Amino acid sequence: MADSSINSFMTNFDGGARPNLYTFVMACPGLAALNPAFAQLQFFCRSTQLPSSILGEILVPYLGRQAKYPGDRTFEDFTITILNTQDMNLRRVFEFWNEQFNTFAGNATAFPNPRAIFGSAVVTQLNKAYQPTRAYQFFDMFPRDVSSIDLAYDNNDGVSEFTVTFGYSYFINDNSPTNSSAGIGGQGGMNPGSVIPGLAGAGNGFGFGNNGGGGSGFGFSAGSGSGGSGFTFGYGNGNSSFGVGFAQR
């Protein structure tokens, strides 16, 4: 018989994950000029998603029945909604990135291998103590669709916003079997300061973690090769601290 006591429910329910407690960080190491602007996403990425996990299905007929087996994995597009600032800096960034793959007027690209300017991103669910509890990293991302913005004289008392829809190759999470080598595993939790390699450009990666009893921390780093550019982002808690840095040569 089901336990219908509200006290039993409240004893077992921890208050639930909150959809408004999350962080979103992104990097495109191949276009270092974008990285400083990406730091603003922590403030102006109004909404994002935890991705769905989709397996295809293989139907094998046998004596009038259909035996079902798991098929290939597919990855749906990933969308974020961004608050549009007066300088339109983030929109400018995503339009610029989008145009690098195919220019508006010239129908051309300076990057014969588009993977050179693919990006990567991490979306992290936080608990009510602002500590990471679940994280997903997306690989080989590109901004497929930068949405339109409607303008109207009678559109008062609001801030304009736009969406960016990304294509990407795959994602991993903190339970993925590959995480023992990717560095975000460890008995079901995230390791302190763990780093996930594999961005578009060797040596770049994201890091996040829980520093045990002393508080929480979140970090991100990116860099490109050939002696050029890098970007760092960090957050700490326990009297809290925050820092952003960018260097280019």
Protein backbone atom coordinates (compact mmCIF):
# COMPACT_ATOMS: atom_id res chain seq x y z
CA MET A 1 0.00 0.00 0.00
CA ALA A 2 1.29 3.45 -0.87
CA ASP A 3 2.32 5.69 1.99
CA SER A 4 -0.14 8.59 1.78
CA SER A 5 1.31 10.58 4.68
CA ILE A 6 2.39 14.10 3.72
CA ASN A 7 5.02 13.88 6.47
CA SER A 8 6.62 10.89 4.76
CA PHE A 9 6.72 12.78 1.49
CA MET A 10 8.30 15.85 3.10
CA THR A 11 10.85 13.68 4.88
CA ASN A 12 12.00 12.17 1.58
CA PHE A 13 11.72 15.23 -0.66
CA ASP A 14 14.69 17.61 -0.51
CA GLY A 15 12.89 20.59 -2.01
CA GLY A 16 13.74 19.73 -5.59
CA ALA A 17 16.18 20.99 -8.21
CA ARG A 18 15.46 24.60 -9.16
CA PRO A 19 15.37 25.45 -12.87
CA ASN A 20 16.65 28.97 -12.16
CA LEU A 21 19.87 27.75 -10.49
CA TYR A 22 22.37 27.05 -13.24
CA THR A 23 25.53 28.32 -14.89
CA PHE A 24 26.40 28.41 -18.56
CA VAL A 25 29.92 28.95 -19.90
CA MET A 26 31.19 28.76 -23.45
CA ALA A 27 34.43 29.07 -25.40
CA CYS A 28 35.51 29.11 -29.01
CA PRO A 29 39.31 28.73 -28.83
CA GLY A 30 39.70 29.07 -32.60
CA LEU A 31 38.25 32.62 -32.47
CA ALA A 32 39.95 34.13 -29.44
CA ALA A 33 38.25 37.50 -29.98
CA LEU A 34 34.95 35.93 -28.92
CA ASN A 35 36.12 34.70 -25.54
CA PRO A 36 35.99 37.98 -23.55
CA ALA A 37 32.38 38.55 -24.61
CA PHE A 38 31.43 34.99 -23.64
CA ALA A 39 32.08 35.92 -20.00
CA GLN A 40 28.84 37.93 -20.13
CA LEU A 41 26.81 34.78 -20.73
CA GLN A 42 26.87 34.00 -16.99
CA PHE A 43 24.70 37.11 -16.52
CA PHE A 44 22.67 37.38 -19.72
CA CYS A 45 21.94 33.78 -20.70
CA ARG A 46 18.32 33.98 -19.53
CA SER A 47 17.48 30.36 -20.25
CA THR A 48 19.14 27.18 -21.44
CA GLN A 49 18.55 23.43 -21.33
CA LEU A 50 19.79 20.20 -19.86
CA PRO A 51 19.94 18.01 -22.98
CA SER A 52 17.74 15.05 -23.75
CA SER A 53 19.25 11.56 -24.10
CA ILE A 54 17.91 9.86 -27.24
CA LEU A 55 18.56 6.34 -28.52
CA GLY A 56 17.15 5.14 -31.81
CA GLU A 57 15.26 1.87 -32.09
CA ILE A 58 15.93 -1.20 -34.22
CA LEU A 59 12.94 -3.44 -34.92
CA VAL A 60 13.79 -7.07 -35.72
CA PRO A 61 10.82 -9.16 -36.88
CA TYR A 62 10.46 -12.72 -35.64
CA LEU A 63 7.40 -14.97 -36.15
CA GLY A 64 4.98 -12.10 -36.39
CA ARG A 65 6.46 -10.15 -33.44
CA GLN A 66 8.85 -7.20 -33.29
CA ALA A 67 11.91 -7.57 -31.08
CA LYS A 68 13.18 -4.15 -30.07
CA TYR A 69 16.87 -3.29 -29.69
CA PRO A 70 18.59 0.02 -28.95
CA GLY A 71 19.88 1.77 -32.05
CA ASP A 72 22.18 4.70 -32.67
CA ARG A 73 22.34 7.79 -30.52
CA THR A 74 21.17 11.14 -31.87
CA PHE A 75 21.72 14.61 -30.44
CA GLU A 76 19.07 17.30 -30.73
CA ASP A 77 19.96 20.94 -31.30
CA PHE A 78 20.77 22.99 -28.22
CA THR A 79 19.22 26.46 -27.70
CA ILE A 80 19.95 29.35 -25.36
CA THR A 81 17.99 32.59 -24.87
CA ILE A 82 20.03 35.75 -24.34
CA LEU A 83 19.02 39.14 -22.93
CA ASN A 84 20.01 41.78 -25.44
CA THR A 85 22.19 44.53 -23.93
CA GLN A 86 22.15 48.10 -25.29
CA ASP A 87 25.54 47.67 -26.95
CA MET A 88 24.23 44.41 -28.50
CA ASN A 89 27.64 42.91 -27.81
CA LEU A 90 26.54 39.30 -27.44
CA ARG A 91 24.37 39.43 -30.55
CA ARG A 92 27.32 40.92 -32.42
CA VAL A 93 29.49 38.03 -31.21
CA PHE A 94 27.12 35.28 -32.32
CA GLU A 95 26.44 36.92 -35.69
CA PHE A 96 30.18 37.24 -36.26
CA TRP A 97 30.77 33.60 -35.29
CA ASN A 98 27.90 32.43 -37.51
CA GLU A 99 29.27 34.41 -40.49
CA GLN A 100 32.72 32.82 -40.23
CA PHE A 101 31.25 29.56 -41.56
CA ASN A 102 29.63 31.26 -44.56
CA THR A 103 29.85 35.00 -45.18
CA PHE A 104 26.65 36.94 -45.81
CA ALA A 105 27.71 38.59 -49.07
CA GLY A 106 30.61 36.47 -50.27
CA ASN A 107 29.18 32.98 -49.74
CA ALA A 108 32.66 31.91 -48.61
CA THR A 109 34.71 31.03 -45.53
CA ALA A 110 38.30 31.57 -44.46
CA PHE A 111 38.22 28.23 -42.60
CA PRO A 112 38.33 25.27 -45.02
CA ASN A 113 38.11 22.96 -42.00
CA PRO A 114 35.16 24.35 -39.99
CA ARG A 115 36.16 22.39 -36.90
CA ALA A 116 38.91 24.95 -36.35
CA ILE A 117 36.25 27.37 -35.11
CA PHE A 118 33.89 24.99 -33.36
CA GLY A 119 33.19 25.78 -29.71
CA SER A 120 32.40 23.98 -26.50
CA ALA A 121 30.09 24.77 -23.59
CA VAL A 122 29.20 23.52 -20.13
CA VAL A 123 25.78 23.86 -18.51
CA THR A 124 25.72 23.08 -14.79
CA GLN A 125 22.78 22.55 -12.46
CA LEU A 126 23.34 24.09 -9.02
CA ASN A 127 21.76 23.22 -5.71
CA LYS A 128 20.40 25.79 -3.26
CA ALA A 129 23.89 26.23 -1.80
CA TYR A 130 25.08 27.20 -5.32
CA GLN A 131 27.18 24.05 -5.60
CA PRO A 132 27.28 22.04 -8.88
CA THR A 133 25.24 18.84 -8.80
CA ARG A 134 25.07 17.90 -12.48
CA ALA A 135 27.07 19.07 -15.49
CA TYR A 136 26.99 18.55 -19.24
CA GLN A 137 29.68 19.51 -21.73
CA PHE A 138 28.90 19.98 -25.43
CA PHE A 139 31.54 19.43 -28.09
CA ASP A 140 32.03 20.73 -31.64
CA MET A 141 29.36 23.41 -31.33
CA PHE A 142 28.51 26.00 -33.96
CA PRO A 143 25.75 28.66 -33.95
CA ARG A 144 23.39 27.33 -36.59
CA ASP A 145 20.61 29.90 -36.06
CA VAL A 146 20.80 33.39 -34.53
CA SER A 147 17.14 34.36 -34.25
CA SER A 148 15.45 37.57 -35.35
CA ILE A 149 14.43 40.32 -32.88
CA ASP A 150 11.04 41.96 -33.28
CA LEU A 151 10.95 45.76 -32.96
CA ALA A 152 7.76 47.78 -32.41
CA TYR A 153 6.83 51.26 -31.13
CA ASP A 154 4.21 49.81 -28.77
CA ASN A 155 6.49 47.17 -27.24
CA ASN A 156 6.99 48.87 -23.86
CA ASP A 157 8.30 47.73 -20.48
CA GLY A 158 10.45 44.93 -21.75
CA VAL A 159 13.98 43.97 -22.75
CA SER A 160 14.61 42.50 -26.17
CA GLU A 161 16.07 39.02 -26.33
CA PHE A 162 17.09 36.50 -28.95
CA THR A 163 17.85 32.81 -29.18
CA VAL A 164 20.89 31.00 -30.53
CA THR A 165 20.45 27.42 -31.70
CA PHE A 166 23.59 25.27 -31.86
CA GLY A 167 24.45 22.16 -33.72
CA TYR A 168 27.01 19.93 -31.98
CA SER A 169 28.57 16.50 -32.29
CA TYR A 170 27.96 15.07 -28.81
CA PHE A 171 27.86 15.79 -25.09
CA ILE A 172 29.09 14.03 -21.98
CA ASN A 173 27.93 14.34 -18.39
CA ASP A 174 29.42 13.56 -15.01
CA ASN A 175 28.15 9.96 -15.22
CA SER A 176 29.46 9.25 -18.72
CA PRO A 177 31.69 6.14 -18.95
CA THR A 178 34.40 8.23 -20.63
CA ASN A 179 34.67 10.51 -17.63
CA SER A 180 37.32 8.42 -15.92
CA SER A 181 39.66 9.68 -18.62
CA ALA A 182 37.87 13.00 -19.13
CA GLY A 183 38.40 13.86 -15.49
CA ILE A 184 34.93 14.62 -14.20
CA GLY A 185 34.10 11.26 -12.68
CA GLY A 186 34.73 9.95 -9.20
CA GLN A 187 32.09 7.88 -7.44
CA GLY A 188 29.12 9.73 -8.82
CA GLY A 189 30.38 13.20 -7.99
CA MET A 190 32.57 15.86 -9.53
CA ASN A 191 36.16 16.01 -8.43
CA PRO A 192 37.58 19.27 -7.08
CA GLY A 193 38.90 21.41 -9.90
CA SER A 194 38.35 18.64 -12.41
CA VAL A 195 39.12 19.42 -16.03
CA ILE A 196 37.48 18.06 -19.17
CA PRO A 197 39.89 18.09 -22.13
CA GLY A 198 38.74 17.91 -25.70
CA LEU A 199 37.67 21.36 -26.81
CA ALA A 200 38.33 22.35 -30.40
CA GLY A 201 42.04 22.77 -29.87
CA ALA A 202 44.29 20.58 -27.75
CA GLY A 203 44.89 21.58 -24.18
CA ASN A 204 41.75 23.65 -23.72
CA GLY A 205 39.14 22.66 -21.19
CA PHE A 206 36.55 23.46 -18.61
CA GLY A 207 36.87 22.81 -14.90
CA PHE A 208 34.40 22.82 -12.08
CA GLY A 209 34.10 21.15 -8.72
CA ASN A 210 33.29 21.07 -5.07
CA ASN A 211 36.19 21.65 -2.72
CA GLY A 212 34.82 19.43 0.01
CA GLY A 213 34.01 21.00 3.36
CA GLY A 214 35.27 24.47 2.64
CA GLY A 215 32.86 25.67 -0.02
CA SER A 216 32.32 25.44 -3.73
CA GLY A 217 34.14 26.56 -6.84
CA PHE A 218 33.57 26.90 -10.55
CA GLY A 219 36.21 27.54 -13.18
CA PHE A 220 36.70 27.74 -16.88
CA SER A 221 39.78 28.12 -19.06
CA ALA A 222 40.38 28.34 -22.78
CA GLY A 223 43.31 28.96 -25.07
CA SER A 224 44.38 28.64 -28.66
CA GLY A 225 47.60 27.48 -30.21
CA SER A 226 50.42 29.16 -32.12
CA GLY A 227 51.42 31.45 -29.28
CA GLY A 228 48.10 33.21 -29.11
CA SER A 229 45.35 34.12 -26.67
CA GLY A 230 43.60 32.62 -23.71
CA PHE A 231 40.72 33.21 -21.39
CA THR A 232 39.96 32.30 -17.79
CA PHE A 233 36.85 32.56 -15.68
CA GLY A 234 36.53 31.64 -12.02
CA TYR A 235 34.16 31.66 -9.10
CA GLY A 236 34.71 30.69 -5.48
CA ASN A 237 32.56 30.49 -2.40
CA GLY A 238 33.46 30.77 1.23
CA ASN A 239 33.47 34.54 1.62
CA SER A 240 33.08 34.37 -2.16
CA SER A 241 35.35 35.54 -4.90
CA PHE A 242 35.15 36.01 -8.63
CA GLY A 243 37.60 36.69 -11.43
CA VAL A 244 37.78 37.01 -15.20
CA GLY A 245 40.94 37.24 -17.27
CA PHE A 246 41.97 37.45 -20.90
CA ALA A 247 45.39 37.55 -22.54
CA GLN A 248 46.38 37.79 -26.17
CA ARG A 249 49.73 37.83 -27.93
